[in-house]
Amino acid sequence: NAQGNYATASAGNNSFYYSSPELMDGLTLQASYMPQGSNRVSGTGIGAQYSGIDGLTIKYANADIVGTTAAASGDSTVINVSYAYGPVTITYSDMASDIEASDSDFDITSYAVSYTVSDEISITYGTEDVTQEGGTSEAEYETMSVSYTAGGMTVTAGVHDAENANFGTASNQDYEKWTLGASFAF
């Protein structure tokens, strides 16, 4: 994370992480605590996941962003909702970070639709809008990808479009790229 370290457990930082068993039909909770260190304040994080309705998953989390200074610290809130019905999955996500330093807050909103054509082929379309405090314009990303799996091999192809990628309006902040990839499982 370019803005700081979220207060979640990871190896080597003496953090505590708790994940509850299922509390009721499809509801689990998570909590984390990262103690104060020599170059950081302590931080906490909480989260919840609900999947009690067939095909629906809702996730919510709030965590401290622990920076090396007070100005680089803040908090972040994320909500993610996905719904799968047959071969179609629709996902919405929103992440907002509030950092003490000026022009450091971000808000990222994304949508995606995936369609599984068959066991071998899937297609995904997604958009993402990123707003930065102090940016002159919103960064917008759009992607379309397709993947094909045969045995232990997966081939992916995609087209990706970005506008105002560095939160400005200069022509060099707009681009389009094509990707092609292959992965093998042995």
N, C-alpha and C. Protein backbone atom coordinates (compact mmCIF):
# COMPACT_ATOMS: atom_id res chain seq x y z
N ASN A 1 0.84 -1.17 0.00
CA ASN A 1 0.00 0.00 0.00
C ASN A 1 0.88 1.23 0.00
N ALA A 2 0.70 2.12 -0.93
CA ALA A 2 1.53 3.32 -1.05
C ALA A 2 1.23 4.33 0.06
N GLN A 3 0.06 4.25 0.67
CA GLN A 3 -0.31 5.24 1.67
C GLN A 3 0.11 4.85 3.09
N GLY A 4 0.43 3.60 3.35
CA GLY A 4 0.78 3.15 4.69
C GLY A 4 0.46 1.69 4.84
N ASN A 5 0.56 1.20 6.02
CA ASN A 5 0.27 -0.21 6.29
C ASN A 5 -1.07 -0.31 6.99
N TYR A 6 -1.98 -1.09 6.42
CA TYR A 6 -3.26 -1.30 7.08
C TYR A 6 -3.03 -2.14 8.33
N ALA A 7 -3.81 -1.90 9.35
CA ALA A 7 -3.63 -2.59 10.62
C ALA A 7 -4.21 -3.99 10.55
N THR A 8 -3.56 -4.84 9.82
CA THR A 8 -3.94 -6.23 9.76
C THR A 8 -2.71 -7.07 10.05
N ALA A 9 -2.94 -8.26 10.50
CA ALA A 9 -1.83 -9.12 10.91
C ALA A 9 -0.99 -9.54 9.72
N SER A 10 0.30 -9.55 9.92
CA SER A 10 1.22 -10.10 8.94
C SER A 10 2.46 -10.58 9.68
N ALA A 11 3.19 -11.47 9.07
CA ALA A 11 4.34 -12.06 9.74
C ALA A 11 5.35 -10.98 10.10
N GLY A 12 5.85 -11.02 11.32
CA GLY A 12 6.93 -10.15 11.72
C GLY A 12 6.54 -8.83 12.33
N ASN A 13 5.26 -8.49 12.47
CA ASN A 13 4.93 -7.20 13.09
C ASN A 13 4.19 -7.36 14.41
N ASN A 14 4.23 -8.55 15.00
CA ASN A 14 3.64 -8.84 16.32
C ASN A 14 2.14 -8.55 16.39
N SER A 15 1.43 -8.69 15.29
CA SER A 15 0.01 -8.39 15.25
C SER A 15 -0.82 -9.56 15.77
N PHE A 16 -2.03 -9.23 16.14
CA PHE A 16 -3.03 -10.22 16.55
C PHE A 16 -4.15 -10.18 15.53
N TYR A 17 -4.67 -11.35 15.16
CA TYR A 17 -5.75 -11.44 14.21
C TYR A 17 -6.75 -12.46 14.71
N TYR A 18 -8.03 -12.11 14.69
CA TYR A 18 -9.08 -13.02 15.12
C TYR A 18 -10.12 -13.13 14.02
N SER A 19 -10.48 -14.35 13.70
CA SER A 19 -11.55 -14.63 12.77
C SER A 19 -12.55 -15.52 13.49
N SER A 20 -13.78 -15.05 13.61
CA SER A 20 -14.79 -15.79 14.36
C SER A 20 -15.28 -17.00 13.58
N PRO A 21 -15.80 -17.98 14.31
CA PRO A 21 -16.55 -19.02 13.60
C PRO A 21 -17.85 -18.39 13.09
N GLU A 22 -18.60 -19.12 12.30
CA GLU A 22 -19.86 -18.60 11.79
C GLU A 22 -20.79 -18.31 12.96
N LEU A 23 -21.16 -17.04 13.15
CA LEU A 23 -21.98 -16.62 14.29
C LEU A 23 -23.46 -16.93 14.09
N MET A 24 -23.92 -16.74 12.90
CA MET A 24 -25.28 -17.10 12.52
C MET A 24 -25.22 -17.44 11.04
N ASP A 25 -26.31 -17.74 10.44
CA ASP A 25 -26.32 -18.20 9.06
C ASP A 25 -25.51 -17.29 8.13
N GLY A 26 -24.25 -17.66 7.86
CA GLY A 26 -23.42 -16.95 6.90
C GLY A 26 -22.67 -15.74 7.42
N LEU A 27 -22.70 -15.42 8.71
CA LEU A 27 -22.04 -14.23 9.23
C LEU A 27 -20.77 -14.59 10.00
N THR A 28 -19.66 -13.99 9.59
CA THR A 28 -18.40 -14.13 10.32
C THR A 28 -17.82 -12.74 10.55
N LEU A 29 -17.01 -12.61 11.60
CA LEU A 29 -16.37 -11.35 11.96
C LEU A 29 -14.87 -11.55 12.03
N GLN A 30 -14.14 -10.48 11.75
CA GLN A 30 -12.69 -10.50 11.85
C GLN A 30 -12.27 -9.24 12.61
N ALA A 31 -11.17 -9.35 13.34
CA ALA A 31 -10.61 -8.20 14.06
C ALA A 31 -9.10 -8.35 14.08
N SER A 32 -8.41 -7.22 14.05
CA SER A 32 -6.95 -7.27 14.11
C SER A 32 -6.43 -6.11 14.95
N TYR A 33 -5.25 -6.32 15.51
CA TYR A 33 -4.57 -5.30 16.30
C TYR A 33 -3.08 -5.36 16.00
N MET A 34 -2.52 -4.23 15.63
CA MET A 34 -1.08 -4.14 15.40
C MET A 34 -0.54 -3.21 16.49
N PRO A 35 0.31 -3.73 17.40
CA PRO A 35 0.81 -2.89 18.48
C PRO A 35 1.76 -1.80 17.98
N GLN A 36 1.92 -0.81 18.81
CA GLN A 36 2.82 0.29 18.47
C GLN A 36 4.22 -0.22 18.25
N GLY A 37 4.91 0.33 17.28
CA GLY A 37 6.29 -0.03 16.99
C GLY A 37 7.17 1.19 17.06
N SER A 38 8.44 1.02 16.79
CA SER A 38 9.38 2.13 16.90
C SER A 38 9.10 3.24 15.89
N ASN A 39 8.52 2.91 14.76
CA ASN A 39 8.25 3.93 13.75
C ASN A 39 6.78 3.99 13.36
N ARG A 40 5.89 3.55 14.25
CA ARG A 40 4.47 3.59 13.93
C ARG A 40 3.63 3.58 15.20
N VAL A 41 2.40 4.07 15.08
CA VAL A 41 1.44 3.98 16.17
C VAL A 41 0.72 2.65 16.06
N SER A 42 -0.04 2.28 17.07
CA SER A 42 -0.81 1.03 16.99
C SER A 42 -2.02 1.24 16.09
N GLY A 43 -2.59 0.15 15.62
CA GLY A 43 -3.74 0.23 14.74
C GLY A 43 -4.65 -0.95 14.91
N THR A 44 -5.92 -0.75 14.58
CA THR A 44 -6.91 -1.81 14.67
C THR A 44 -7.65 -1.94 13.35
N GLY A 45 -8.28 -3.07 13.17
CA GLY A 45 -9.12 -3.31 12.00
C GLY A 45 -10.27 -4.21 12.39
N ILE A 46 -11.43 -3.99 11.78
CA ILE A 46 -12.59 -4.85 12.00
C ILE A 46 -13.21 -5.17 10.64
N GLY A 47 -13.86 -6.30 10.57
CA GLY A 47 -14.50 -6.68 9.33
C GLY A 47 -15.63 -7.65 9.57
N ALA A 48 -16.52 -7.73 8.60
CA ALA A 48 -17.64 -8.67 8.67
C ALA A 48 -17.90 -9.19 7.26
N GLN A 49 -18.31 -10.45 7.20
CA GLN A 49 -18.70 -11.05 5.93
C GLN A 49 -20.00 -11.79 6.13
N TYR A 50 -20.93 -11.56 5.19
CA TYR A 50 -22.22 -12.23 5.24
C TYR A 50 -22.46 -12.96 3.92
N SER A 51 -22.76 -14.24 4.01
CA SER A 51 -23.06 -15.03 2.81
C SER A 51 -24.24 -15.98 3.07
N GLY A 52 -25.21 -15.50 3.83
CA GLY A 52 -26.35 -16.33 4.22
C GLY A 52 -27.44 -16.45 3.19
N ILE A 53 -27.35 -15.72 2.10
CA ILE A 53 -28.32 -15.83 1.00
C ILE A 53 -27.60 -16.44 -0.18
N ASP A 54 -28.18 -17.46 -0.78
CA ASP A 54 -27.54 -18.18 -1.87
C ASP A 54 -27.10 -17.23 -2.98
N GLY A 55 -25.79 -17.22 -3.27
CA GLY A 55 -25.23 -16.41 -4.34
C GLY A 55 -24.77 -15.03 -3.93
N LEU A 56 -25.19 -14.54 -2.76
CA LEU A 56 -24.87 -13.19 -2.31
C LEU A 56 -23.76 -13.22 -1.27
N THR A 57 -22.76 -12.36 -1.45
CA THR A 57 -21.70 -12.18 -0.46
C THR A 57 -21.52 -10.69 -0.23
N ILE A 58 -21.57 -10.28 1.04
CA ILE A 58 -21.36 -8.88 1.41
C ILE A 58 -20.20 -8.84 2.39
N LYS A 59 -19.24 -7.95 2.11
CA LYS A 59 -18.08 -7.79 2.98
C LYS A 59 -17.94 -6.32 3.34
N TYR A 60 -17.58 -6.07 4.61
CA TYR A 60 -17.34 -4.72 5.09
C TYR A 60 -16.11 -4.75 5.99
N ALA A 61 -15.26 -3.76 5.86
CA ALA A 61 -14.09 -3.68 6.74
C ALA A 61 -13.71 -2.23 6.96
N ASN A 62 -13.18 -1.96 8.13
CA ASN A 62 -12.63 -0.65 8.47
C ASN A 62 -11.32 -0.92 9.19
N ALA A 63 -10.25 -0.25 8.75
CA ALA A 63 -8.93 -0.47 9.35
C ALA A 63 -8.17 0.83 9.42
N ASP A 64 -7.31 0.92 10.42
CA ASP A 64 -6.40 2.05 10.53
C ASP A 64 -5.33 1.92 9.45
N ILE A 65 -4.96 3.04 8.86
CA ILE A 65 -3.79 3.09 7.99
C ILE A 65 -2.68 3.61 8.88
N VAL A 66 -1.71 2.76 9.14
CA VAL A 66 -0.63 3.09 10.06
C VAL A 66 0.58 3.55 9.27
N GLY A 67 0.85 4.84 9.34
CA GLY A 67 2.00 5.39 8.65
C GLY A 67 3.14 5.65 9.62
N THR A 68 4.26 6.08 9.09
CA THR A 68 5.43 6.36 9.94
C THR A 68 5.30 7.71 10.64
N THR A 69 4.33 8.54 10.21
CA THR A 69 4.05 9.81 10.87
C THR A 69 2.54 9.94 11.02
N ALA A 70 2.13 10.88 11.86
CA ALA A 70 0.69 11.12 12.04
C ALA A 70 0.05 11.59 10.73
N ALA A 71 0.79 12.39 9.96
CA ALA A 71 0.24 12.90 8.70
C ALA A 71 0.05 11.79 7.67
N ALA A 72 0.82 10.70 7.77
CA ALA A 72 0.69 9.59 6.83
C ALA A 72 -0.28 8.53 7.33
N SER A 73 -0.94 8.78 8.44
CA SER A 73 -1.87 7.81 9.02
C SER A 73 -3.31 8.25 8.80
N GLY A 74 -4.23 7.33 8.98
CA GLY A 74 -5.64 7.62 8.82
C GLY A 74 -6.45 6.35 8.95
N ASP A 75 -7.52 6.25 8.18
CA ASP A 75 -8.30 5.02 8.19
C ASP A 75 -8.85 4.75 6.80
N SER A 76 -9.30 3.52 6.62
CA SER A 76 -9.82 3.08 5.33
C SER A 76 -11.06 2.23 5.57
N THR A 77 -12.04 2.42 4.72
CA THR A 77 -13.29 1.65 4.80
C THR A 77 -13.55 1.02 3.44
N VAL A 78 -13.92 -0.27 3.46
CA VAL A 78 -14.17 -1.01 2.22
C VAL A 78 -15.50 -1.73 2.34
N ILE A 79 -16.28 -1.68 1.26
CA ILE A 79 -17.48 -2.50 1.16
C ILE A 79 -17.44 -3.21 -0.19
N ASN A 80 -17.81 -4.48 -0.19
CA ASN A 80 -17.80 -5.28 -1.40
C ASN A 80 -19.06 -6.13 -1.41
N VAL A 81 -19.79 -6.08 -2.52
CA VAL A 81 -21.02 -6.87 -2.67
C VAL A 81 -20.91 -7.64 -3.98
N SER A 82 -21.10 -8.94 -3.91
CA SER A 82 -21.12 -9.73 -5.14
C SER A 82 -22.32 -10.67 -5.12
N TYR A 83 -22.85 -10.88 -6.30
CA TYR A 83 -24.00 -11.77 -6.44
C TYR A 83 -23.78 -12.65 -7.66
N ALA A 84 -23.87 -13.95 -7.43
CA ALA A 84 -23.71 -14.92 -8.51
C ALA A 84 -25.06 -15.60 -8.75
N TYR A 85 -25.46 -15.60 -9.99
CA TYR A 85 -26.68 -16.28 -10.39
C TYR A 85 -26.38 -17.07 -11.65
N GLY A 86 -26.35 -18.37 -11.51
CA GLY A 86 -26.00 -19.20 -12.66
C GLY A 86 -24.59 -18.88 -13.13
N PRO A 87 -24.42 -18.61 -14.41
CA PRO A 87 -23.08 -18.34 -14.94
C PRO A 87 -22.63 -16.88 -14.79
N VAL A 88 -23.48 -16.01 -14.23
CA VAL A 88 -23.18 -14.58 -14.16
C VAL A 88 -22.86 -14.18 -12.72
N THR A 89 -21.78 -13.41 -12.55
CA THR A 89 -21.43 -12.84 -11.25
C THR A 89 -21.28 -11.34 -11.43
N ILE A 90 -21.96 -10.57 -10.57
CA ILE A 90 -21.90 -9.12 -10.59
C ILE A 90 -21.26 -8.68 -9.27
N THR A 91 -20.28 -7.77 -9.36
CA THR A 91 -19.56 -7.33 -8.17
C THR A 91 -19.50 -5.81 -8.13
N TYR A 92 -19.73 -5.26 -6.94
CA TYR A 92 -19.57 -3.82 -6.68
C TYR A 92 -18.62 -3.68 -5.50
N SER A 93 -17.72 -2.71 -5.59
CA SER A 93 -16.77 -2.48 -4.51
C SER A 93 -16.51 -0.99 -4.35
N ASP A 94 -16.39 -0.53 -3.11
CA ASP A 94 -16.04 0.86 -2.85
C ASP A 94 -15.05 0.90 -1.69
N MET A 95 -13.94 1.61 -1.90
CA MET A 95 -12.93 1.77 -0.86
C MET A 95 -12.65 3.26 -0.71
N ALA A 96 -12.73 3.75 0.52
CA ALA A 96 -12.43 5.15 0.80
C ALA A 96 -11.34 5.20 1.86
N SER A 97 -10.31 5.98 1.59
CA SER A 97 -9.25 6.16 2.59
C SER A 97 -9.21 7.62 2.99
N ASP A 98 -9.01 7.84 4.28
CA ASP A 98 -8.93 9.18 4.84
C ASP A 98 -7.58 9.32 5.53
N ILE A 99 -6.66 10.03 4.89
CA ILE A 99 -5.30 10.21 5.40
C ILE A 99 -5.19 11.65 5.90
N GLU A 100 -4.48 11.85 6.99
CA GLU A 100 -4.36 13.17 7.58
C GLU A 100 -3.69 14.19 6.65
N ALA A 101 -2.66 13.80 5.92
CA ALA A 101 -1.96 14.72 5.02
C ALA A 101 -2.91 15.22 3.93
N SER A 102 -2.75 16.47 3.56
CA SER A 102 -3.62 17.02 2.52
C SER A 102 -3.35 16.35 1.18
N ASP A 103 -4.37 16.29 0.34
CA ASP A 103 -4.31 15.70 -1.00
C ASP A 103 -3.91 14.23 -0.98
N SER A 104 -4.25 13.50 0.08
CA SER A 104 -3.88 12.08 0.17
C SER A 104 -5.08 11.14 0.23
N ASP A 105 -6.29 11.67 0.32
CA ASP A 105 -7.47 10.83 0.40
C ASP A 105 -7.81 10.25 -0.97
N PHE A 106 -8.27 8.99 -0.97
CA PHE A 106 -8.68 8.31 -2.20
C PHE A 106 -10.06 7.74 -2.03
N ASP A 107 -10.80 7.63 -3.12
CA ASP A 107 -12.05 6.90 -3.17
C ASP A 107 -12.03 6.09 -4.45
N ILE A 108 -12.17 4.77 -4.32
CA ILE A 108 -12.11 3.87 -5.48
C ILE A 108 -13.43 3.11 -5.55
N THR A 109 -14.12 3.25 -6.68
CA THR A 109 -15.38 2.55 -6.90
C THR A 109 -15.23 1.67 -8.13
N SER A 110 -15.61 0.39 -8.01
CA SER A 110 -15.48 -0.50 -9.15
C SER A 110 -16.71 -1.39 -9.31
N TYR A 111 -16.92 -1.79 -10.55
CA TYR A 111 -18.00 -2.70 -10.92
C TYR A 111 -17.40 -3.76 -11.85
N ALA A 112 -17.91 -4.98 -11.75
CA ALA A 112 -17.46 -6.03 -12.67
C ALA A 112 -18.61 -6.99 -12.93
N VAL A 113 -18.64 -7.50 -14.16
CA VAL A 113 -19.60 -8.53 -14.54
C VAL A 113 -18.80 -9.65 -15.18
N SER A 114 -18.96 -10.85 -14.66
CA SER A 114 -18.27 -12.02 -15.21
C SER A 114 -19.31 -13.01 -15.71
N TYR A 115 -19.00 -13.62 -16.84
CA TYR A 115 -19.90 -14.61 -17.42
C TYR A 115 -19.09 -15.86 -17.73
N THR A 116 -19.50 -16.97 -17.16
CA THR A 116 -18.84 -18.24 -17.43
C THR A 116 -19.59 -18.91 -18.59
N VAL A 117 -18.96 -18.89 -19.75
CA VAL A 117 -19.58 -19.44 -20.95
C VAL A 117 -19.64 -20.95 -20.84
N SER A 118 -18.54 -21.55 -20.40
CA SER A 118 -18.46 -23.00 -20.23
C SER A 118 -17.40 -23.27 -19.16
N ASP A 119 -17.11 -24.54 -18.91
CA ASP A 119 -16.06 -24.86 -17.95
C ASP A 119 -14.70 -24.34 -18.41
N GLU A 120 -14.55 -24.09 -19.69
CA GLU A 120 -13.27 -23.67 -20.24
C GLU A 120 -13.16 -22.17 -20.49
N ILE A 121 -14.28 -21.48 -20.76
CA ILE A 121 -14.24 -20.09 -21.20
C ILE A 121 -15.01 -19.19 -20.24
N SER A 122 -14.38 -18.06 -19.88
CA SER A 122 -15.07 -17.04 -19.09
C SER A 122 -14.70 -15.66 -19.62
N ILE A 123 -15.64 -14.72 -19.47
CA ILE A 123 -15.48 -13.35 -19.95
C ILE A 123 -15.78 -12.41 -18.78
N THR A 124 -14.96 -11.36 -18.64
CA THR A 124 -15.16 -10.38 -17.58
C THR A 124 -15.07 -8.97 -18.15
N TYR A 125 -15.98 -8.11 -17.71
CA TYR A 125 -15.93 -6.68 -18.03
C TYR A 125 -15.95 -5.92 -16.71
N GLY A 126 -15.08 -4.93 -16.56
CA GLY A 126 -15.04 -4.18 -15.32
C GLY A 126 -14.66 -2.73 -15.54
N THR A 127 -15.11 -1.88 -14.61
CA THR A 127 -14.75 -0.47 -14.60
C THR A 127 -14.29 -0.09 -13.20
N GLU A 128 -13.45 0.93 -13.14
CA GLU A 128 -12.99 1.43 -11.85
C GLU A 128 -12.78 2.94 -11.97
N ASP A 129 -13.33 3.68 -11.03
CA ASP A 129 -13.16 5.13 -10.97
C ASP A 129 -12.40 5.45 -9.69
N VAL A 130 -11.34 6.25 -9.81
CA VAL A 130 -10.51 6.60 -8.67
C VAL A 130 -10.49 8.11 -8.55
N THR A 131 -10.88 8.60 -7.38
CA THR A 131 -10.85 10.02 -7.10
C THR A 131 -9.79 10.27 -6.04
N GLN A 132 -8.91 11.23 -6.31
CA GLN A 132 -7.87 11.60 -5.35
C GLN A 132 -8.12 13.03 -4.91
N GLU A 133 -8.07 13.25 -3.60
CA GLU A 133 -8.22 14.60 -3.09
C GLU A 133 -7.13 15.48 -3.72
N GLY A 134 -7.51 16.58 -4.29
CA GLY A 134 -6.56 17.48 -4.91
C GLY A 134 -6.30 17.18 -6.37
N GLY A 135 -6.78 16.05 -6.88
CA GLY A 135 -6.61 15.73 -8.30
C GLY A 135 -7.51 16.61 -9.14
N THR A 136 -7.07 16.94 -10.34
CA THR A 136 -7.89 17.81 -11.18
C THR A 136 -9.00 17.05 -11.89
N SER A 137 -8.88 15.73 -11.99
CA SER A 137 -9.94 14.93 -12.60
C SER A 137 -9.90 13.51 -12.03
N GLU A 138 -10.95 12.79 -12.30
CA GLU A 138 -11.10 11.42 -11.83
C GLU A 138 -10.39 10.46 -12.80
N ALA A 139 -9.64 9.52 -12.26
CA ALA A 139 -9.03 8.49 -13.11
C ALA A 139 -10.07 7.41 -13.38
N GLU A 140 -10.17 6.99 -14.64
CA GLU A 140 -11.18 6.01 -15.03
C GLU A 140 -10.50 4.87 -15.77
N TYR A 141 -10.82 3.65 -15.37
CA TYR A 141 -10.23 2.46 -15.98
C TYR A 141 -11.36 1.55 -16.43
N GLU A 142 -11.13 0.88 -17.56
CA GLU A 142 -12.12 -0.03 -18.12
C GLU A 142 -11.36 -1.22 -18.69
N THR A 143 -11.87 -2.43 -18.46
CA THR A 143 -11.17 -3.60 -18.96
C THR A 143 -12.17 -4.66 -19.42
N MET A 144 -11.76 -5.42 -20.41
CA MET A 144 -12.52 -6.57 -20.90
C MET A 144 -11.51 -7.69 -21.07
N SER A 145 -11.80 -8.84 -20.47
CA SER A 145 -10.86 -9.95 -20.60
C SER A 145 -11.61 -11.25 -20.84
N VAL A 146 -10.90 -12.19 -21.42
CA VAL A 146 -11.44 -13.52 -21.68
C VAL A 146 -10.37 -14.53 -21.29
N SER A 147 -10.80 -15.64 -20.73
CA SER A 147 -9.82 -16.69 -20.39
C SER A 147 -10.33 -18.03 -20.91
N TYR A 148 -9.36 -18.85 -21.31
CA TYR A 148 -9.64 -20.19 -21.82
C TYR A 148 -8.75 -21.17 -21.08
N THR A 149 -9.35 -22.20 -20.49
CA THR A 149 -8.61 -23.21 -19.74
C THR A 149 -8.76 -24.56 -20.43
N ALA A 150 -7.63 -25.22 -20.65
CA ALA A 150 -7.61 -26.56 -21.23
C ALA A 150 -6.60 -27.37 -20.42
N GLY A 151 -7.10 -28.33 -19.68
CA GLY A 151 -6.20 -29.13 -18.84
C GLY A 151 -5.54 -28.23 -17.81
N GLY A 152 -4.22 -28.23 -17.77
CA GLY A 152 -3.47 -27.42 -16.83
C GLY A 152 -3.01 -26.10 -17.40
N MET A 153 -3.52 -25.71 -18.56
CA MET A 153 -3.09 -24.46 -19.19
C MET A 153 -4.26 -23.48 -19.25
N THR A 154 -3.97 -22.21 -18.90
CA THR A 154 -4.95 -21.15 -19.02
C THR A 154 -4.36 -20.03 -19.86
N VAL A 155 -5.10 -19.62 -20.90
CA VAL A 155 -4.69 -18.51 -21.76
C VAL A 155 -5.66 -17.37 -21.51
N THR A 156 -5.13 -16.17 -21.30
CA THR A 156 -5.96 -14.99 -21.06
C THR A 156 -5.62 -13.90 -22.07
N ALA A 157 -6.62 -13.13 -22.44
CA ALA A 157 -6.42 -11.98 -23.32
C ALA A 157 -7.30 -10.86 -22.80
N GLY A 158 -6.82 -9.63 -22.96
CA GLY A 158 -7.61 -8.51 -22.47
C GLY A 158 -7.29 -7.22 -23.18
N VAL A 159 -8.23 -6.31 -23.11
CA VAL A 159 -8.03 -4.95 -23.59
C VAL A 159 -8.35 -4.04 -22.41
N HIS A 160 -7.46 -3.07 -22.17
CA HIS A 160 -7.56 -2.21 -21.01
C HIS A 160 -7.45 -0.76 -21.46
N ASP A 161 -8.31 0.09 -20.93
CA ASP A 161 -8.35 1.49 -21.30
C ASP A 161 -8.27 2.34 -20.04
N ALA A 162 -7.44 3.37 -20.05
CA ALA A 162 -7.31 4.28 -18.91
C ALA A 162 -7.46 5.72 -19.40
N GLU A 163 -8.20 6.51 -18.63
CA GLU A 163 -8.32 7.94 -18.90
C GLU A 163 -7.95 8.69 -17.64
N ASN A 164 -7.14 9.73 -17.79
CA ASN A 164 -6.71 10.58 -16.68
C ASN A 164 -6.01 9.75 -15.60
N ALA A 165 -5.14 8.84 -16.04
CA ALA A 165 -4.53 7.86 -15.14
C ALA A 165 -3.75 8.49 -13.98
N ASN A 166 -3.28 9.71 -14.12
CA ASN A 166 -2.55 10.37 -13.03
C ASN A 166 -3.34 11.56 -12.50
N PHE A 167 -4.67 11.50 -12.61
CA PHE A 167 -5.61 12.48 -12.07
C PHE A 167 -5.48 13.86 -12.72
N GLY A 168 -5.01 13.89 -13.95
CA GLY A 168 -4.92 15.13 -14.71
C GLY A 168 -5.55 14.92 -16.07
N THR A 169 -5.44 15.92 -16.94
CA THR A 169 -6.08 15.83 -18.24
C THR A 169 -5.08 15.84 -19.40
N ALA A 170 -3.79 15.71 -19.11
CA ALA A 170 -2.79 15.69 -20.19
C ALA A 170 -2.99 14.44 -21.05
N SER A 171 -2.63 14.56 -22.33
CA SER A 171 -2.86 13.45 -23.26
C SER A 171 -2.05 12.21 -22.91
N ASN A 172 -0.91 12.36 -22.23
CA ASN A 172 -0.11 11.19 -21.88
C ASN A 172 -0.70 10.42 -20.69
N GLN A 173 -1.81 10.87 -20.13
CA GLN A 173 -2.46 10.16 -19.04
C GLN A 173 -3.59 9.25 -19.52
N ASP A 174 -3.80 9.21 -20.84
CA ASP A 174 -4.78 8.32 -21.44
C ASP A 174 -4.04 7.25 -22.22
N TYR A 175 -4.42 6.00 -22.05
CA TYR A 175 -3.77 4.95 -22.82
C TYR A 175 -4.68 3.75 -22.96
N GLU A 176 -4.35 2.92 -23.93
CA GLU A 176 -5.04 1.66 -24.15
C GLU A 176 -3.97 0.60 -24.35
N LYS A 177 -4.18 -0.57 -23.78
CA LYS A 177 -3.22 -1.65 -23.99
C LYS A 177 -3.96 -2.97 -24.14
N TRP A 178 -3.30 -3.87 -24.83
CA TRP A 178 -3.78 -5.22 -25.02
C TRP A 178 -2.84 -6.15 -24.26
N THR A 179 -3.39 -7.20 -23.66
CA THR A 179 -2.55 -8.16 -22.94
C THR A 179 -2.87 -9.57 -23.41
N LEU A 180 -1.86 -10.42 -23.33
CA LEU A 180 -2.00 -11.84 -23.64
C LEU A 180 -1.14 -12.59 -22.65
N GLY A 181 -1.68 -13.60 -22.01
CA GLY A 181 -0.92 -14.35 -21.01
C GLY A 181 -1.25 -15.82 -21.07
N ALA A 182 -0.32 -16.59 -20.52
CA ALA A 182 -0.53 -18.04 -20.42
C ALA A 182 0.05 -18.50 -19.09
N SER A 183 -0.64 -19.42 -18.45
CA SER A 183 -0.13 -20.02 -17.22
C SER A 183 -0.30 -21.53 -17.31
N PHE A 184 0.59 -22.23 -16.65
CA PHE A 184 0.59 -23.69 -16.69
C PHE A 184 0.60 -24.25 -15.28
N ALA A 185 -0.21 -25.24 -15.03
CA ALA A 185 -0.24 -25.93 -13.73
C ALA A 185 0.33 -27.32 -13.95
N PHE A 186 1.34 -27.65 -13.19
CA PHE A 186 1.98 -28.96 -13.33
C PHE A 186 1.61 -29.85 -12.19
